[in-house]
Amino acid sequence: MKKLSLFLFLSASIFLTSCEKDSNDDQSNNKTTSEEAILGNWELTDYKVEEGETVTKITGGAVTQKYSSVGKDFDMEVIFNNEPTHTVTSNGSFISETKITVLGQTQVTEIPLYTLFESSEWKIKDGNLIFIDEDSKETKMNTLESTDKKLVLSYELNEVLEVQGGATATTTGKLTITLERDSSDNNSNTSTPSLIIGDWNLTELTSEDEVLSLPDVNEEIKFEGIASDLNGTLTFTDNPKEIKTEGNFHYKITYEDEEEPFEEDRELDFFNFASGWKLENNDTELYDHRDGSLEVSSAAEILELTETTLKLEIPYTKDYGINDLSEIEKITFYATFTKK
């Protein structure tokens, strides 16, 4: 049993961070969910504890406290990740307005809370969301609602703790939390691994900041590039997470102070250096992720990712190395792909 002061116990008992007994929740209304439905960033929009009761056994008897909690002033983000491990974290704060009744006296206390889920692991088992603490103990949540935009979870609190003076306290109650997708994303930067997996056709390609660097002679030559005849495909696979590119495009280059442009067909090799992929920084950046290592390097910024459209800003550098002299081409490409 955990040892806490009575006051801290009353606060901690409404968290999902110290569950010691299996939930006795009625699973008759439980909805199944999937990893793809859980992954990503969520905002906490509702929090409540109902039918709360704490029975503290002391010498000569027991003290029963009734309590309930309602959340307000929500400013908390919850993030479910699956790379490199399945972890859930929460950032921000909210206020829990807790009403406690003891011996006929009721007190209302506003408690600021700065975490909802401590950093812990999670998994989906038989369609249920399971949390795993540092002692490998599993807590199954009841999923009341699971959609692309909303996730409602409940848990039947049933915990025994040791409080000051050697007394024991048992708390019960029903905790319900509601998570919703970040409304500010407007589907433009709400990206999850499930969205990016698949085949994408290159439909638009522009470039800027084009320069040919000649470091051996300390010179840079600016140019303008125009892409056409797009015939490329970008493929993201899962398990293992790999990037595959095929196809080409026509690229016309006009250098400064030169009238005649240089034209060539180019392979779609933006990601040929990568052996894998990983989403980082709230899923707004696509990284080269080397399999079996935590090492990553920035590959592209995700400007938009929906079920049908992927827009990337890609910093591109290639050293042609002609006659033992470096000729480094630097371009920022803006690529739009459409899901096959």
C-alpha atoms as a PDB file:
ATOM      1  CA  MET A   1       0.000   0.000   0.000  1.00  0.00           C
ATOM      2  CA  LYS A   2       1.091   3.546  -0.673  1.00  0.00           C
ATOM      3  CA  LYS A   3       1.810   5.829   2.289  1.00  0.00           C
ATOM      4  CA  LEU A   4       0.315   9.287   1.877  1.00  0.00           C
ATOM      5  CA  SER A   5      -1.017  11.982   4.120  1.00  0.00           C
ATOM      6  CA  LEU A   6      -4.797  12.077   4.265  1.00  0.00           C
ATOM      7  CA  PHE A   7      -4.945  15.366   2.345  1.00  0.00           C
ATOM      8  CA  LEU A   8      -2.680  14.114  -0.409  1.00  0.00           C
ATOM      9  CA  PHE A   9      -4.660  10.914  -0.518  1.00  0.00           C
ATOM     10  CA  LEU A  10      -7.895  12.777  -1.175  1.00  0.00           C
ATOM     11  CA  SER A  11      -6.188  14.528  -4.084  1.00  0.00           C
ATOM     12  CA  ALA A  12      -4.312  11.530  -5.409  1.00  0.00           C
ATOM     13  CA  SER A  13      -7.270   9.198  -5.257  1.00  0.00           C
ATOM     14  CA  ILE A  14      -8.808  10.862  -8.288  1.00  0.00           C
ATOM     15  CA  PHE A  15      -5.773  10.193 -10.498  1.00  0.00           C
ATOM     16  CA  LEU A  16      -5.036   7.229 -12.696  1.00  0.00           C
ATOM     17  CA  THR A  17      -1.492   6.987 -11.378  1.00  0.00           C
ATOM     18  CA  SER A  18      -1.672   4.654  -8.371  1.00  0.00           C
ATOM     19  CA  CYS A  19      -4.312   2.040  -9.117  1.00  0.00           C
ATOM     20  CA  GLU A  20      -3.808  -1.037  -6.958  1.00  0.00           C
ATOM     21  CA  LYS A  21      -6.890  -3.105  -7.620  1.00  0.00           C
ATOM     22  CA  ASP A  22      -8.511  -4.202 -10.836  1.00  0.00           C
ATOM     23  CA  SER A  23     -11.474  -2.125 -11.880  1.00  0.00           C
ATOM     24  CA  ASN A  24     -14.863  -3.572 -11.081  1.00  0.00           C
ATOM     25  CA  ASP A  25     -16.395  -1.432 -13.802  1.00  0.00           C
ATOM     26  CA  ASP A  26     -19.427  -2.831 -15.561  1.00  0.00           C
ATOM     27  CA  GLN A  27     -18.146  -3.555 -19.059  1.00  0.00           C
ATOM     28  CA  SER A  28     -21.621  -3.966 -20.588  1.00  0.00           C
ATOM     29  CA  ASN A  29     -21.413  -0.537 -22.265  1.00  0.00           C
ATOM     30  CA  ASN A  30     -17.736  -0.783 -23.125  1.00  0.00           C
ATOM     31  CA  LYS A  31     -16.764   0.145 -26.686  1.00  0.00           C
ATOM     32  CA  THR A  32     -13.700  -1.392 -28.285  1.00  0.00           C
ATOM     33  CA  THR A  33     -10.941   0.835 -29.651  1.00  0.00           C
ATOM     34  CA  SER A  34      -7.744   0.492 -31.673  1.00  0.00           C
ATOM     35  CA  GLU A  35      -4.188   1.802 -31.548  1.00  0.00           C
ATOM     36  CA  GLU A  36      -4.816   3.968 -34.611  1.00  0.00           C
ATOM     37  CA  ALA A  37      -7.787   5.617 -32.882  1.00  0.00           C
ATOM     38  CA  ILE A  38      -5.765   6.407 -29.745  1.00  0.00           C
ATOM     39  CA  LEU A  39      -2.491   7.681 -31.221  1.00  0.00           C
ATOM     40  CA  GLY A  40      -1.798  11.400 -31.348  1.00  0.00           C
ATOM     41  CA  ASN A  41      -2.546  14.601 -29.478  1.00  0.00           C
ATOM     42  CA  TRP A  42      -5.708  15.217 -27.460  1.00  0.00           C
ATOM     43  CA  GLU A  43      -7.122  18.024 -25.348  1.00  0.00           C
ATOM     44  CA  LEU A  44      -8.762  17.300 -21.997  1.00  0.00           C
ATOM     45  CA  THR A  45     -12.271  18.774 -22.183  1.00  0.00           C
ATOM     46  CA  ASP A  46     -14.137  17.095 -19.314  1.00  0.00           C
ATOM     47  CA  TYR A  47     -13.221  15.441 -16.018  1.00  0.00           C
ATOM     48  CA  LYS A  48     -15.442  14.224 -13.209  1.00  0.00           C
ATOM     49  CA  VAL A  49     -15.556  11.816 -10.314  1.00  0.00           C
ATOM     50  CA  GLU A  50     -19.002  10.617  -9.240  1.00  0.00           C
ATOM     51  CA  GLU A  51     -20.281   8.513  -6.322  1.00  0.00           C
ATOM     52  CA  GLY A  52     -16.976   8.965  -4.529  1.00  0.00           C
ATOM     53  CA  GLU A  53     -16.601   7.501  -1.060  1.00  0.00           C
ATOM     54  CA  THR A  54     -13.589   7.178   1.228  1.00  0.00           C
ATOM     55  CA  VAL A  55     -13.716   4.998   4.338  1.00  0.00           C
ATOM     56  CA  THR A  56     -10.827   5.546   6.737  1.00  0.00           C
ATOM     57  CA  LYS A  57     -10.416   2.914   9.418  1.00  0.00           C
ATOM     58  CA  ILE A  58      -9.005   4.267  12.663  1.00  0.00           C
ATOM     59  CA  THR A  59      -8.721   2.949  16.181  1.00  0.00           C
ATOM     60  CA  GLY A  60     -12.209   2.443  17.549  1.00  0.00           C
ATOM     61  CA  GLY A  61     -14.133   2.894  14.313  1.00  0.00           C
ATOM     62  CA  ALA A  62     -14.217   4.325  10.815  1.00  0.00           C
ATOM     63  CA  VAL A  63     -14.813   7.702   9.186  1.00  0.00           C
ATOM     64  CA  THR A  64     -16.776   7.861   5.929  1.00  0.00           C
ATOM     65  CA  GLN A  65     -16.300  10.736   3.521  1.00  0.00           C
ATOM     66  CA  LYS A  66     -18.397  11.350   0.440  1.00  0.00           C
ATOM     67  CA  TYR A  67     -16.759  13.226  -2.395  1.00  0.00           C
ATOM     68  CA  SER A  68     -17.228  14.289  -5.994  1.00  0.00           C
ATOM     69  CA  SER A  69     -15.064  16.254  -8.409  1.00  0.00           C
ATOM     70  CA  VAL A  70     -15.726  18.354 -11.484  1.00  0.00           C
ATOM     71  CA  GLY A  71     -12.985  19.753 -13.702  1.00  0.00           C
ATOM     72  CA  LYS A  72     -12.808  23.264 -15.109  1.00  0.00           C
ATOM     73  CA  ASP A  73     -10.353  25.752 -16.669  1.00  0.00           C
ATOM     74  CA  PHE A  74      -8.910  23.019 -18.870  1.00  0.00           C
ATOM     75  CA  ASP A  75      -5.523  23.684 -20.434  1.00  0.00           C
ATOM     76  CA  MET A  76      -4.071  20.222 -20.709  1.00  0.00           C
ATOM     77  CA  GLU A  77      -2.787  18.177 -23.620  1.00  0.00           C
ATOM     78  CA  VAL A  78      -2.552  14.382 -23.588  1.00  0.00           C
ATOM     79  CA  ILE A  79      -0.226  12.657 -26.047  1.00  0.00           C
ATOM     80  CA  PHE A  80      -0.255   8.973 -26.955  1.00  0.00           C
ATOM     81  CA  ASN A  81       2.954   7.883 -28.700  1.00  0.00           C
ATOM     82  CA  ASN A  82       4.092   4.546 -30.068  1.00  0.00           C
ATOM     83  CA  GLU A  83       7.677   5.365 -31.047  1.00  0.00           C
ATOM     84  CA  PRO A  84      10.128   4.282 -29.742  1.00  0.00           C
ATOM     85  CA  THR A  85       7.774   2.847 -27.085  1.00  0.00           C
ATOM     86  CA  HIS A  86       4.077   3.140 -26.297  1.00  0.00           C
ATOM     87  CA  THR A  87       3.960   6.025 -23.813  1.00  0.00           C
ATOM     88  CA  VAL A  88       1.293   8.463 -22.680  1.00  0.00           C
ATOM     89  CA  THR A  89       2.122  11.895 -21.254  1.00  0.00           C
ATOM     90  CA  SER A  90       0.121  14.936 -20.197  1.00  0.00           C
ATOM     91  CA  ASN A  91       1.147  18.591 -20.144  1.00  0.00           C
ATOM     92  CA  GLY A  92      -0.620  21.638 -18.767  1.00  0.00           C
ATOM     93  CA  SER A  93      -3.116  22.050 -15.959  1.00  0.00           C
ATOM     94  CA  PHE A  94      -6.761  22.200 -14.933  1.00  0.00           C
ATOM     95  CA  ILE A  95      -8.773  22.815 -11.768  1.00  0.00           C
ATOM     96  CA  SER A  96     -10.579  20.017  -9.935  1.00  0.00           C
ATOM     97  CA  GLU A  97     -13.472  21.434  -7.898  1.00  0.00           C
ATOM     98  CA  THR A  98     -13.777  18.768  -5.223  1.00  0.00           C
ATOM     99  CA  LYS A  99     -16.707  18.543  -2.805  1.00  0.00           C
ATOM    100  CA  ILE A 100     -16.044  16.520   0.376  1.00  0.00           C
ATOM    101  CA  THR A 101     -18.705  15.709   2.975  1.00  0.00           C
ATOM    102  CA  VAL A 102     -17.612  14.404   6.409  1.00  0.00           C
ATOM    103  CA  LEU A 103     -19.943  14.010   9.407  1.00  0.00           C
ATOM    104  CA  GLY A 104     -22.582  16.148   7.727  1.00  0.00           C
ATOM    105  CA  GLN A 105     -20.165  18.985   6.966  1.00  0.00           C
ATOM    106  CA  THR A 106     -19.444  19.801   3.310  1.00  0.00           C
ATOM    107  CA  GLN A 107     -16.360  21.560   2.074  1.00  0.00           C
ATOM    108  CA  VAL A 108     -15.617  22.583  -1.519  1.00  0.00           C
ATOM    109  CA  THR A 109     -11.976  22.855  -2.485  1.00  0.00           C
ATOM    110  CA  GLU A 110     -10.423  23.856  -5.794  1.00  0.00           C
ATOM    111  CA  ILE A 111      -7.354  21.743  -6.431  1.00  0.00           C
ATOM    112  CA  PRO A 112      -4.992  22.662  -9.301  1.00  0.00           C
ATOM    113  CA  LEU A 113      -3.819  19.525 -11.097  1.00  0.00           C
ATOM    114  CA  TYR A 114      -0.772  19.448 -13.334  1.00  0.00           C
ATOM    115  CA  THR A 115      -0.891  15.894 -14.622  1.00  0.00           C
ATOM    116  CA  LEU A 116      -3.540  13.466 -15.743  1.00  0.00           C
ATOM    117  CA  PHE A 117      -1.364  10.565 -16.785  1.00  0.00           C
ATOM    118  CA  GLU A 118       2.100  10.224 -15.403  1.00  0.00           C
ATOM    119  CA  SER A 119       4.582   9.019 -18.017  1.00  0.00           C
ATOM    120  CA  SER A 120       3.593   5.382 -18.360  1.00  0.00           C
ATOM    121  CA  GLU A 121       3.119   2.742 -21.006  1.00  0.00           C
ATOM    122  CA  TRP A 122      -0.111   1.825 -22.722  1.00  0.00           C
ATOM    123  CA  LYS A 123      -1.392  -0.850 -25.044  1.00  0.00           C
ATOM    124  CA  ILE A 124      -4.551  -2.093 -26.712  1.00  0.00           C
ATOM    125  CA  LYS A 125      -5.612  -5.581 -25.645  1.00  0.00           C
ATOM    126  CA  ASP A 126      -8.829  -7.179 -26.885  1.00  0.00           C
ATOM    127  CA  GLY A 127     -10.017  -3.727 -27.950  1.00  0.00           C
ATOM    128  CA  ASN A 128      -9.460  -2.238 -24.464  1.00  0.00           C
ATOM    129  CA  LEU A 129      -7.068   0.544 -23.478  1.00  0.00           C
ATOM    130  CA  ILE A 130      -4.598  -0.706 -20.866  1.00  0.00           C
ATOM    131  CA  PHE A 131      -2.193   1.417 -18.803  1.00  0.00           C
ATOM    132  CA  ILE A 132       0.976  -0.158 -17.409  1.00  0.00           C
ATOM    133  CA  ASP A 133       2.787   1.404 -14.446  1.00  0.00           C
ATOM    134  CA  GLU A 134       6.467   1.192 -13.519  1.00  0.00           C
ATOM    135  CA  ASP A 135       5.759  -1.987 -11.534  1.00  0.00           C
ATOM    136  CA  SER A 136       4.250  -3.605 -14.656  1.00  0.00           C
ATOM    137  CA  LYS A 137       0.756  -3.506 -13.114  1.00  0.00           C
ATOM    138  CA  GLU A 138      -2.017  -3.152 -15.668  1.00  0.00           C
ATOM    139  CA  THR A 139      -5.113  -0.973 -15.392  1.00  0.00           C
ATOM    140  CA  LYS A 140      -7.929  -1.475 -17.884  1.00  0.00           C
ATOM    141  CA  MET A 141     -10.011   1.540 -18.857  1.00  0.00           C
ATOM    142  CA  ASN A 142     -13.634   1.377 -19.930  1.00  0.00           C
ATOM    143  CA  THR A 143     -14.059   3.063 -23.324  1.00  0.00           C
ATOM    144  CA  LEU A 144     -17.466   4.752 -23.418  1.00  0.00           C
ATOM    145  CA  GLU A 145     -16.886   6.471 -26.761  1.00  0.00           C
ATOM    146  CA  SER A 146     -14.111   6.281 -29.360  1.00  0.00           C
ATOM    147  CA  THR A 147     -14.188   8.281 -32.604  1.00  0.00           C
ATOM    148  CA  ASP A 148     -11.653  10.192 -34.708  1.00  0.00           C
ATOM    149  CA  LYS A 149     -12.445  13.345 -32.745  1.00  0.00           C
ATOM    150  CA  LYS A 150     -13.531  12.204 -29.283  1.00  0.00           C
ATOM    151  CA  LEU A 151     -12.426   9.690 -26.666  1.00  0.00           C
ATOM    152  CA  VAL A 152     -14.385   9.113 -23.446  1.00  0.00           C
ATOM    153  CA  LEU A 153     -12.809   6.859 -20.815  1.00  0.00           C
ATOM    154  CA  SER A 154     -14.026   5.732 -17.400  1.00  0.00           C
ATOM    155  CA  TYR A 155     -12.544   3.856 -14.490  1.00  0.00           C
ATOM    156  CA  GLU A 156     -14.067   2.444 -11.313  1.00  0.00           C
ATOM    157  CA  LEU A 157     -11.805   3.633  -8.514  1.00  0.00           C
ATOM    158  CA  ASN A 158     -11.145   0.997  -5.867  1.00  0.00           C
ATOM    159  CA  GLU A 159      -7.966   1.637  -3.941  1.00  0.00           C
ATOM    160  CA  VAL A 160      -6.567   0.945  -0.485  1.00  0.00           C
ATOM    161  CA  LEU A 161      -3.888   3.224   0.927  1.00  0.00           C
ATOM    162  CA  GLU A 162      -2.112   3.591   4.236  1.00  0.00           C
ATOM    163  CA  VAL A 163      -2.403   7.067   5.720  1.00  0.00           C
ATOM    164  CA  GLN A 164      -0.738   8.744   8.679  1.00  0.00           C
ATOM    165  CA  GLY A 165      -0.895   6.976  12.019  1.00  0.00           C
ATOM    166  CA  GLY A 166      -1.126   3.501  10.507  1.00  0.00           C
ATOM    167  CA  ALA A 167      -4.771   3.886   9.467  1.00  0.00           C
ATOM    168  CA  THR A 168      -6.027   2.521   6.177  1.00  0.00           C
ATOM    169  CA  ALA A 169      -8.317   4.270   3.733  1.00  0.00           C
ATOM    170  CA  THR A 170     -10.382   2.698   0.982  1.00  0.00           C
ATOM    171  CA  THR A 171     -11.719   4.917  -1.773  1.00  0.00           C
ATOM    172  CA  THR A 172     -14.256   4.113  -4.454  1.00  0.00           C
ATOM    173  CA  GLY A 173     -15.904   6.144  -7.174  1.00  0.00           C
ATOM    174  CA  LYS A 174     -16.326   6.483 -10.908  1.00  0.00           C
ATOM    175  CA  LEU A 175     -13.845   8.617 -12.828  1.00  0.00           C
ATOM    176  CA  THR A 176     -14.783   9.793 -16.326  1.00  0.00           C
ATOM    177  CA  ILE A 177     -12.556  11.838 -18.613  1.00  0.00           C
ATOM    178  CA  THR A 178     -13.232  13.209 -22.088  1.00  0.00           C
ATOM    179  CA  LEU A 179     -10.480  13.874 -24.623  1.00  0.00           C
ATOM    180  CA  GLU A 180     -10.988  15.657 -27.933  1.00  0.00           C
ATOM    181  CA  ARG A 181      -8.658  16.244 -30.847  1.00  0.00           C
ATOM    182  CA  ASP A 182      -6.958  19.638 -30.843  1.00  0.00           C
ATOM    183  CA  SER A 183      -9.515  21.941 -32.479  1.00  0.00           C
ATOM    184  CA  SER A 184      -6.827  24.401 -33.618  1.00  0.00           C
ATOM    185  CA  ASP A 185      -5.353  21.808 -35.966  1.00  0.00           C
ATOM    186  CA  ASN A 186      -8.261  22.002 -38.434  1.00  0.00           C
ATOM    187  CA  ASN A 187      -7.041  18.693 -39.851  1.00  0.00           C
ATOM    188  CA  SER A 188      -3.950  20.389 -41.287  1.00  0.00           C
ATOM    189  CA  ASN A 189      -1.332  19.386 -38.769  1.00  0.00           C
ATOM    190  CA  THR A 190      -3.162  16.596 -37.021  1.00  0.00           C
ATOM    191  CA  SER A 191      -0.990  13.789 -38.256  1.00  0.00           C
ATOM    192  CA  THR A 192      -0.743  10.280 -36.968  1.00  0.00           C
ATOM    193  CA  PRO A 193       1.253   7.317 -38.210  1.00  0.00           C
ATOM    194  CA  SER A 194      -1.923   5.705 -39.481  1.00  0.00           C
ATOM    195  CA  LEU A 195      -2.578   8.656 -41.810  1.00  0.00           C
ATOM    196  CA  ILE A 196       0.841   8.710 -43.429  1.00  0.00           C
ATOM    197  CA  ILE A 197       1.107   4.989 -44.140  1.00  0.00           C
ATOM    198  CA  GLY A 198       0.452   4.073 -47.774  1.00  0.00           C
ATOM    199  CA  ASP A 199       1.256   5.135 -51.344  1.00  0.00           C
ATOM    200  CA  TRP A 200       1.298   8.808 -52.345  1.00  0.00           C
ATOM    201  CA  ASN A 201       1.428  10.240 -55.877  1.00  0.00           C
ATOM    202  CA  LEU A 202       3.437  13.424 -56.485  1.00  0.00           C
ATOM    203  CA  THR A 203       0.971  15.984 -57.878  1.00  0.00           C
ATOM    204  CA  GLU A 204       2.728  19.333 -57.368  1.00  0.00           C
ATOM    205  CA  LEU A 205       6.367  20.346 -56.900  1.00  0.00           C
ATOM    206  CA  THR A 206       7.862  23.819 -56.492  1.00  0.00           C
ATOM    207  CA  SER A 207      11.225  25.001 -55.222  1.00  0.00           C
ATOM    208  CA  GLU A 208      12.921  28.052 -53.761  1.00  0.00           C
ATOM    209  CA  ASP A 209      16.226  29.159 -52.194  1.00  0.00           C
ATOM    210  CA  GLU A 210      18.057  27.338 -55.006  1.00  0.00           C
ATOM    211  CA  VAL A 211      21.830  27.721 -54.901  1.00  0.00           C
ATOM    212  CA  LEU A 212      24.883  25.873 -56.224  1.00  0.00           C
ATOM    213  CA  SER A 213      27.690  26.110 -53.670  1.00  0.00           C
ATOM    214  CA  LEU A 214      31.335  25.793 -54.742  1.00  0.00           C
ATOM    215  CA  PRO A 215      33.197  25.661 -51.407  1.00  0.00           C
ATOM    216  CA  ASP A 216      36.609  24.985 -52.993  1.00  0.00           C
ATOM    217  CA  VAL A 217      36.535  28.407 -54.670  1.00  0.00           C
ATOM    218  CA  ASN A 218      34.276  30.057 -52.080  1.00  0.00           C
ATOM    219  CA  GLU A 219      31.530  30.825 -54.551  1.00  0.00           C
ATOM    220  CA  GLU A 220      27.754  30.426 -54.679  1.00  0.00           C
ATOM    221  CA  ILE A 221      25.640  30.581 -57.815  1.00  0.00           C
ATOM    222  CA  LYS A 222      21.919  31.182 -57.519  1.00  0.00           C
ATOM    223  CA  PHE A 223      19.492  29.622 -59.937  1.00  0.00           C
ATOM    224  CA  GLU A 224      15.782  29.125 -60.556  1.00  0.00           C
ATOM    225  CA  GLY A 225      14.265  25.676 -60.823  1.00  0.00           C
ATOM    226  CA  ILE A 226      10.952  24.675 -62.400  1.00  0.00           C
ATOM    227  CA  ALA A 227       9.581  21.132 -62.072  1.00  0.00           C
ATOM    228  CA  SER A 228       7.236  19.503 -64.577  1.00  0.00           C
ATOM    229  CA  ASP A 229       6.176  16.087 -65.908  1.00  0.00           C
ATOM    230  CA  LEU A 230       5.689  14.736 -62.403  1.00  0.00           C
ATOM    231  CA  ASN A 231       5.721  10.963 -62.267  1.00  0.00           C
ATOM    232  CA  GLY A 232       6.735   9.985 -58.738  1.00  0.00           C
ATOM    233  CA  THR A 233       5.432   7.911 -55.868  1.00  0.00           C
ATOM    234  CA  LEU A 234       6.288   8.066 -52.181  1.00  0.00           C
ATOM    235  CA  THR A 235       5.464   5.012 -50.052  1.00  0.00           C
ATOM    236  CA  PHE A 236       5.410   4.753 -46.249  1.00  0.00           C
ATOM    237  CA  THR A 237       5.270   1.263 -44.762  1.00  0.00           C
ATOM    238  CA  ASP A 238       4.739   0.111 -41.200  1.00  0.00           C
ATOM    239  CA  ASN A 239       6.480  -2.712 -39.368  1.00  0.00           C
ATOM    240  CA  PRO A 240       9.125  -1.960 -40.417  1.00  0.00           C
ATOM    241  CA  LYS A 241       8.750   1.790 -40.913  1.00  0.00           C
ATOM    242  CA  GLU A 242      10.394   2.407 -44.278  1.00  0.00           C
ATOM    243  CA  ILE A 243      10.279   5.099 -46.968  1.00  0.00           C
ATOM    244  CA  LYS A 244      10.387   4.066 -50.605  1.00  0.00           C
ATOM    245  CA  THR A 245      10.544   6.416 -53.591  1.00  0.00           C
ATOM    246  CA  GLU A 246      10.216   5.707 -57.276  1.00  0.00           C
ATOM    247  CA  GLY A 247       9.640   7.679 -60.446  1.00  0.00           C
ATOM    248  CA  ASN A 248      11.016  10.983 -61.671  1.00  0.00           C
ATOM    249  CA  PHE A 249      10.243  14.530 -62.745  1.00  0.00           C
ATOM    250  CA  HIS A 250      11.592  17.024 -65.280  1.00  0.00           C
ATOM    251  CA  TYR A 251      13.598  19.907 -63.790  1.00  0.00           C
ATOM    252  CA  LYS A 252      14.614  23.040 -65.704  1.00  0.00           C
ATOM    253  CA  ILE A 253      17.394  25.126 -64.153  1.00  0.00           C
ATOM    254  CA  THR A 254      18.208  28.690 -65.142  1.00  0.00           C
ATOM    255  CA  TYR A 255      21.409  30.089 -63.606  1.00  0.00           C
ATOM    256  CA  GLU A 256      21.987  33.752 -62.930  1.00  0.00           C
ATOM    257  CA  ASP A 257      23.583  35.635 -65.826  1.00  0.00           C
ATOM    258  CA  GLU A 258      22.939  32.717 -68.194  1.00  0.00           C
ATOM    259  CA  GLU A 259      20.267  32.796 -70.837  1.00  0.00           C
ATOM    260  CA  GLU A 260      20.158  29.119 -71.751  1.00  0.00           C
ATOM    261  CA  PRO A 261      18.534  26.889 -69.116  1.00  0.00           C
ATOM    262  CA  PHE A 262      19.801  23.456 -68.181  1.00  0.00           C
ATOM    263  CA  GLU A 263      17.198  20.715 -68.255  1.00  0.00           C
ATOM    264  CA  GLU A 264      17.214  17.123 -67.054  1.00  0.00           C
ATOM    265  CA  ASP A 265      15.003  14.337 -65.783  1.00  0.00           C
ATOM    266  CA  ARG A 266      15.601  13.673 -62.092  1.00  0.00           C
ATOM    267  CA  GLU A 267      14.846  10.693 -59.936  1.00  0.00           C
ATOM    268  CA  LEU A 268      12.529  11.277 -56.996  1.00  0.00           C
ATOM    269  CA  ASP A 269      15.333  10.698 -54.474  1.00  0.00           C
ATOM    270  CA  PHE A 270      14.420  13.157 -51.705  1.00  0.00           C
ATOM    271  CA  PHE A 271      14.328  10.356 -49.119  1.00  0.00           C
ATOM    272  CA  ASN A 272      16.840   7.895 -50.519  1.00  0.00           C
ATOM    273  CA  PHE A 273      19.198   8.640 -47.617  1.00  0.00           C
ATOM    274  CA  ALA A 274      16.583   7.456 -45.119  1.00  0.00           C
ATOM    275  CA  SER A 275      16.295   3.906 -43.851  1.00  0.00           C
ATOM    276  CA  GLY A 276      13.106   4.606 -41.954  1.00  0.00           C
ATOM    277  CA  TRP A 277      10.697   7.286 -40.796  1.00  0.00           C
ATOM    278  CA  LYS A 278       9.401   8.787 -37.576  1.00  0.00           C
ATOM    279  CA  LEU A 279       7.033  11.635 -36.699  1.00  0.00           C
ATOM    280  CA  GLU A 280       8.254  14.152 -34.121  1.00  0.00           C
ATOM    281  CA  ASN A 281       7.438  17.559 -32.603  1.00  0.00           C
ATOM    282  CA  ASN A 282       3.678  17.062 -32.331  1.00  0.00           C
ATOM    283  CA  ASP A 283       3.722  15.234 -35.654  1.00  0.00           C
ATOM    284  CA  THR A 284       4.728  18.300 -37.680  1.00  0.00           C
ATOM    285  CA  GLU A 285       8.144  16.994 -38.721  1.00  0.00           C
ATOM    286  CA  LEU A 286       9.107  13.841 -40.563  1.00  0.00           C
ATOM    287  CA  TYR A 287      12.429  12.371 -39.491  1.00  0.00           C
ATOM    288  CA  ASP A 288      14.839   9.845 -40.871  1.00  0.00           C
ATOM    289  CA  HIS A 289      14.720   7.114 -38.249  1.00  0.00           C
ATOM    290  CA  ARG A 290      17.410   4.463 -38.446  1.00  0.00           C
ATOM    291  CA  ASP A 291      15.973   1.115 -37.462  1.00  0.00           C
ATOM    292  CA  GLY A 292      17.200  -0.126 -34.114  1.00  0.00           C
ATOM    293  CA  SER A 293      18.555   3.262 -33.042  1.00  0.00           C
ATOM    294  CA  LEU A 294      17.185   6.360 -31.375  1.00  0.00           C
ATOM    295  CA  GLU A 295      19.279   8.499 -33.717  1.00  0.00           C
ATOM    296  CA  VAL A 296      17.204  10.645 -36.039  1.00  0.00           C
ATOM    297  CA  SER A 297      17.897  13.469 -38.455  1.00  0.00           C
ATOM    298  CA  SER A 298      15.440  16.001 -39.799  1.00  0.00           C
ATOM    299  CA  ALA A 299      14.096  15.110 -43.221  1.00  0.00           C
ATOM    300  CA  ALA A 300      11.034  17.265 -43.869  1.00  0.00           C
ATOM    301  CA  GLU A 301       8.435  19.490 -42.295  1.00  0.00           C
ATOM    302  CA  ILE A 302       4.829  18.368 -42.623  1.00  0.00           C
ATOM    303  CA  LEU A 303       2.760  21.332 -43.773  1.00  0.00           C
ATOM    304  CA  GLU A 304      -0.450  19.353 -44.165  1.00  0.00           C
ATOM    305  CA  LEU A 305      -1.515  15.772 -43.619  1.00  0.00           C
ATOM    306  CA  THR A 306      -5.045  14.521 -44.126  1.00  0.00           C
ATOM    307  CA  GLU A 307      -6.494  11.248 -45.340  1.00  0.00           C
ATOM    308  CA  THR A 308      -5.984  12.365 -48.947  1.00  0.00           C
ATOM    309  CA  THR A 309      -3.259  15.040 -48.997  1.00  0.00           C
ATOM    310  CA  LEU A 310       0.354  15.217 -47.816  1.00  0.00           C
ATOM    311  CA  LYS A 311       2.310  18.479 -48.193  1.00  0.00           C
ATOM    312  CA  LEU A 312       5.989  18.552 -47.290  1.00  0.00           C
ATOM    313  CA  GLU A 313       8.727  21.179 -47.074  1.00  0.00           C
ATOM    314  CA  ILE A 314      11.901  19.283 -47.936  1.00  0.00           C
ATOM    315  CA  PRO A 315      15.423  20.695 -47.469  1.00  0.00           C
ATOM    316  CA  TYR A 316      17.468  19.029 -50.225  1.00  0.00           C
ATOM    317  CA  THR A 317      21.258  18.925 -50.469  1.00  0.00           C
ATOM    318  CA  LYS A 318      23.341  16.946 -52.942  1.00  0.00           C
ATOM    319  CA  ASP A 319      27.094  17.033 -53.610  1.00  0.00           C
ATOM    320  CA  TYR A 320      27.868  16.151 -57.224  1.00  0.00           C
ATOM    321  CA  GLY A 321      31.664  16.113 -56.613  1.00  0.00           C
ATOM    322  CA  ILE A 322      32.905  16.712 -60.152  1.00  0.00           C
ATOM    323  CA  ASN A 323      36.684  16.352 -60.778  1.00  0.00           C
ATOM    324  CA  ASP A 324      37.413  16.149 -57.031  1.00  0.00           C
ATOM    325  CA  LEU A 325      35.719  19.503 -56.549  1.00  0.00           C
ATOM    326  CA  SER A 326      32.562  19.845 -54.505  1.00  0.00           C
ATOM    327  CA  GLU A 327      29.497  21.197 -56.271  1.00  0.00           C
ATOM    328  CA  ILE A 328      26.773  21.236 -53.631  1.00  0.00           C
ATOM    329  CA  GLU A 329      23.247  21.852 -54.797  1.00  0.00           C
ATOM    330  CA  LYS A 330      20.909  23.228 -52.115  1.00  0.00           C
ATOM    331  CA  ILE A 331      17.174  23.488 -52.736  1.00  0.00           C
ATOM    332  CA  THR A 332      14.035  23.790 -50.636  1.00  0.00           C
ATOM    333  CA  PHE A 333      11.321  21.738 -52.301  1.00  0.00           C
ATOM    334  CA  TYR A 334       7.596  22.050 -51.571  1.00  0.00           C
ATOM    335  CA  ALA A 335       5.932  18.795 -52.577  1.00  0.00           C
ATOM    336  CA  THR A 336       2.248  17.893 -52.627  1.00  0.00           C
ATOM    337  CA  PHE A 337       1.238  14.236 -52.699  1.00  0.00           C
ATOM    338  CA  THR A 338      -2.210  12.688 -53.116  1.00  0.00           C
ATOM    339  CA  LYS A 339      -3.108   9.356 -51.547  1.00  0.00           C
ATOM    340  CA  LYS A 340      -3.569   6.543 -54.039  1.00  0.00           C
END
